[in-house]
Amino acid sequence: MDIRLKKIENSILFFANKSCNRIERMRLMKLLWLSDRLHLNKYGRLILNDRYKALQKGPIASTALNFSKFGIPGSINVDKHYVKSVREFKADLFSKSDLKIMDYVWEKFKDMTSFEFSEYSHKYPEWRRFEKELKAEHTPDAYDIVIQDFFEFPELKEFEDILDPETIELSKEDFNVKNSIQSALK
């Protein structure tokens, strides 16, 4: 398994372990999404480097969703809508900033239920962009998220203890430059 996949696996273990080794899948998906979103805005890069999709119940990281549905032997077990950790997560796969943001998200949102978190995620532009389609009949049930939408906030005051407009703008510029360089190298 490559480092990106190991990091996704261990981010699931991080939140499952924080939740007494058992966490509801939808709640997990929202914790991962918000961690990536905040890290991108603070540090100019995603933690997971996963592909994001907008689904009816909110944004999700695609690979993380698959891991949480099917499990990973010796690491992640699945019981209906719950994800269970079988081992401790490996902190050495993460930077200090990764862990700082994941801890921040856990502390700030640990008491939010899955359905509250789903509703909460619906106010963000990466979901709102597809709201009409997701609520309509006979349309696809998932849409590729435009990662640039992660840089917009419905209410930035909520995160003023870690983010400000200048930091977000610098992170956005940094992210765009890195993506341009990577695209040119392909």
Protein backbone atom coordinates (compact mmCIF):
# COMPACT_ATOMS: atom_id res chain seq x y z
CA MET A 1 0.00 0.00 0.00
CA ASP A 2 1.43 3.40 -0.97
CA ILE A 3 1.92 6.25 1.51
CA ARG A 4 -1.24 8.10 0.40
CA LEU A 5 -3.40 5.03 1.06
CA LYS A 6 -1.66 4.37 4.39
CA LYS A 7 -2.37 7.94 5.41
CA ILE A 8 -6.06 7.61 4.51
CA GLU A 9 -6.25 4.31 6.41
CA ASN A 10 -4.57 5.83 9.46
CA SER A 11 -6.72 8.95 9.44
CA ILE A 12 -9.73 6.62 9.75
CA LEU A 13 -8.00 4.86 12.63
CA PHE A 14 -7.23 8.24 14.23
CA PHE A 15 -10.92 9.20 14.48
CA ALA A 16 -12.13 5.68 15.27
CA ASN A 17 -9.62 5.45 18.12
CA LYS A 18 -10.73 8.87 19.41
CA SER A 19 -14.28 7.51 19.44
CA CYS A 20 -13.57 4.44 21.62
CA ASN A 21 -12.52 2.37 18.56
CA ARG A 22 -15.97 2.61 16.92
CA ILE A 23 -17.36 5.46 14.84
CA GLU A 24 -20.39 5.87 12.62
CA ARG A 25 -19.37 6.07 8.95
CA MET A 26 -21.16 9.31 8.08
CA ARG A 27 -19.69 11.10 11.09
CA LEU A 28 -16.24 9.80 10.17
CA MET A 29 -16.61 11.08 6.60
CA LYS A 30 -17.50 14.55 7.85
CA LEU A 31 -14.57 14.65 10.30
CA LEU A 32 -12.18 13.68 7.49
CA TRP A 33 -13.70 16.20 5.08
CA LEU A 34 -13.53 19.05 7.57
CA SER A 35 -9.96 18.16 8.59
CA ASP A 36 -8.84 18.25 4.97
CA ARG A 37 -10.78 21.45 4.30
CA LEU A 38 -9.31 23.32 7.28
CA HIS A 39 -5.79 22.03 6.66
CA LEU A 40 -5.96 23.19 3.05
CA ASN A 41 -7.00 26.67 4.17
CA LYS A 42 -4.38 26.90 6.91
CA TYR A 43 -1.40 25.19 5.25
CA GLY A 44 -2.10 25.08 1.51
CA ARG A 45 -2.39 21.31 1.14
CA LEU A 46 -4.79 18.48 1.85
CA ILE A 47 -3.98 15.92 4.52
CA LEU A 48 -5.37 12.95 2.63
CA ASN A 49 -4.88 13.93 -1.00
CA ASP A 50 -8.07 11.99 -1.71
CA ARG A 51 -10.69 12.74 -4.37
CA TYR A 52 -13.79 14.42 -2.99
CA LYS A 53 -17.36 13.80 -4.07
CA ALA A 54 -20.60 15.57 -3.21
CA LEU A 55 -23.26 13.06 -2.16
CA GLN A 56 -26.78 13.62 -0.90
CA LYS A 57 -25.60 13.60 2.74
CA GLY A 58 -22.60 15.84 2.11
CA PRO A 59 -19.00 15.83 0.92
CA ILE A 60 -16.91 12.67 1.25
CA ALA A 61 -13.36 11.53 0.51
CA SER A 62 -13.77 8.70 -2.05
CA THR A 63 -11.01 6.30 -1.01
CA ALA A 64 -11.75 6.85 2.67
CA LEU A 65 -15.40 6.00 2.00
CA ASN A 66 -14.39 2.73 0.30
CA PHE A 67 -12.11 1.81 3.21
CA SER A 68 -14.92 2.58 5.66
CA LYS A 69 -17.40 0.44 3.70
CA PHE A 70 -15.22 -2.59 3.04
CA GLY A 71 -12.59 -2.44 5.78
CA ILE A 72 -8.92 -3.38 5.73
CA PRO A 73 -7.89 -6.73 7.25
CA GLY A 74 -5.97 -6.28 10.50
CA SER A 75 -6.73 -2.57 10.61
CA ILE A 76 -10.36 -1.56 9.99
CA ASN A 77 -13.47 -3.69 10.49
CA VAL A 78 -16.92 -2.68 9.34
CA ASP A 79 -20.17 -3.47 11.14
CA LYS A 80 -23.13 -2.10 9.15
CA HIS A 81 -22.74 1.69 9.39
CA TYR A 82 -19.92 1.60 11.91
CA VAL A 83 -16.19 1.54 11.42
CA LYS A 84 -14.10 -0.20 14.06
CA SER A 85 -10.37 0.19 14.56
CA VAL A 86 -8.45 -3.02 15.16
CA ARG A 87 -5.15 -1.30 15.90
CA GLU A 88 -3.66 2.06 16.83
CA PHE A 89 -3.04 4.62 14.14
CA LYS A 90 0.51 5.41 13.04
CA ALA A 91 1.21 9.03 13.94
CA ASP A 92 4.54 9.04 12.12
CA LEU A 93 2.70 9.13 8.77
CA PHE A 94 1.37 12.60 9.60
CA SER A 95 2.97 16.01 9.87
CA LYS A 96 2.56 18.09 13.03
CA SER A 97 0.11 20.31 11.16
CA ASP A 98 -1.95 17.28 10.04
CA LEU A 99 -2.29 16.09 13.63
CA LYS A 100 -2.95 19.59 14.93
CA ILE A 101 -5.90 20.08 12.57
CA MET A 102 -7.29 16.58 13.10
CA ASP A 103 -7.16 17.12 16.88
CA TYR A 104 -8.77 20.54 16.45
CA VAL A 105 -11.62 19.12 14.36
CA TRP A 106 -12.16 16.28 16.84
CA GLU A 107 -12.28 18.63 19.84
CA LYS A 108 -14.57 21.13 18.14
CA PHE A 109 -16.99 18.63 16.56
CA LYS A 110 -16.77 15.45 18.67
CA ASP A 111 -20.26 15.92 20.08
CA MET A 112 -21.97 16.53 16.74
CA THR A 113 -24.09 13.62 15.58
CA SER A 114 -23.85 12.18 12.09
CA PHE A 115 -27.08 13.80 10.96
CA GLU A 116 -26.18 17.16 12.49
CA PHE A 117 -22.82 16.96 10.73
CA SER A 118 -24.51 16.09 7.43
CA GLU A 119 -26.79 19.13 7.72
CA TYR A 120 -23.81 21.26 8.74
CA SER A 121 -21.87 20.21 5.62
CA HIS A 122 -24.77 21.28 3.40
CA LYS A 123 -24.03 24.95 3.98
CA TYR A 124 -20.61 24.69 2.32
CA PRO A 125 -20.14 25.64 -1.36
CA GLU A 126 -18.65 22.30 -2.42
CA TRP A 127 -22.01 20.70 -1.60
CA ARG A 128 -24.28 23.63 -2.47
CA ARG A 129 -22.87 23.68 -6.02
CA PHE A 130 -24.65 20.34 -6.60
CA GLU A 131 -27.60 20.73 -4.23
CA LYS A 132 -30.23 20.98 -6.95
CA GLU A 133 -28.95 17.87 -8.74
CA LEU A 134 -28.54 15.87 -5.52
CA LYS A 135 -32.13 16.58 -4.51
CA ALA A 136 -33.60 15.85 -7.96
CA GLU A 137 -34.84 12.48 -9.14
CA HIS A 138 -33.13 10.60 -11.98
CA THR A 139 -29.78 12.37 -11.60
CA PRO A 140 -26.41 10.97 -10.56
CA ASP A 141 -25.96 10.45 -6.83
CA ALA A 142 -22.36 11.75 -6.71
CA TYR A 143 -20.50 14.68 -8.25
CA ASP A 144 -16.79 15.53 -8.33
CA ILE A 145 -16.11 18.38 -5.95
CA VAL A 146 -14.28 21.44 -7.24
CA ILE A 147 -11.47 21.72 -4.68
CA GLN A 148 -11.34 25.51 -5.12
CA ASP A 149 -14.72 25.61 -3.35
CA PHE A 150 -12.90 24.50 -0.18
CA PHE A 151 -11.46 28.04 0.05
CA GLU A 152 -14.90 29.62 0.56
CA PHE A 153 -16.63 29.70 3.95
CA PRO A 154 -20.28 30.31 4.75
CA GLU A 155 -19.21 31.62 8.18
CA LEU A 156 -15.50 32.19 8.75
CA LYS A 157 -16.10 33.50 12.29
CA GLU A 158 -16.62 29.91 13.38
CA PHE A 159 -12.92 29.22 12.72
CA GLU A 160 -11.40 32.58 13.60
CA ASP A 161 -9.30 30.89 16.28
CA ILE A 162 -7.24 29.19 13.53
CA LEU A 163 -8.05 30.97 10.23
CA ASP A 164 -8.16 34.49 8.88
CA PRO A 165 -8.75 35.80 5.34
CA GLU A 166 -5.05 36.55 4.73
CA THR A 167 -3.97 33.01 5.70
CA ILE A 168 -6.67 31.53 3.46
CA GLU A 169 -5.57 33.67 0.50
CA LEU A 170 -1.90 32.74 0.96
CA SER A 171 -2.81 29.04 1.27
CA LYS A 172 -4.93 29.26 -1.87
CA GLU A 173 -2.07 30.86 -3.82
CA ASP A 174 0.37 28.24 -2.53
CA PHE A 175 -2.00 25.39 -3.43
CA ASN A 176 -2.62 26.78 -6.93
CA VAL A 177 1.11 27.21 -7.61
CA LYS A 178 1.85 23.64 -6.49
CA ASN A 179 -0.99 22.29 -8.65
CA SER A 180 0.25 24.26 -11.68
CA ILE A 181 3.75 22.85 -11.25
CA GLN A 182 2.43 19.29 -10.85
CA SER A 183 0.24 19.68 -13.93
CA ALA A 184 3.19 20.96 -15.96
CA LEU A 185 5.29 17.97 -14.91
CA LYS A 186 2.70 15.42 -16.06
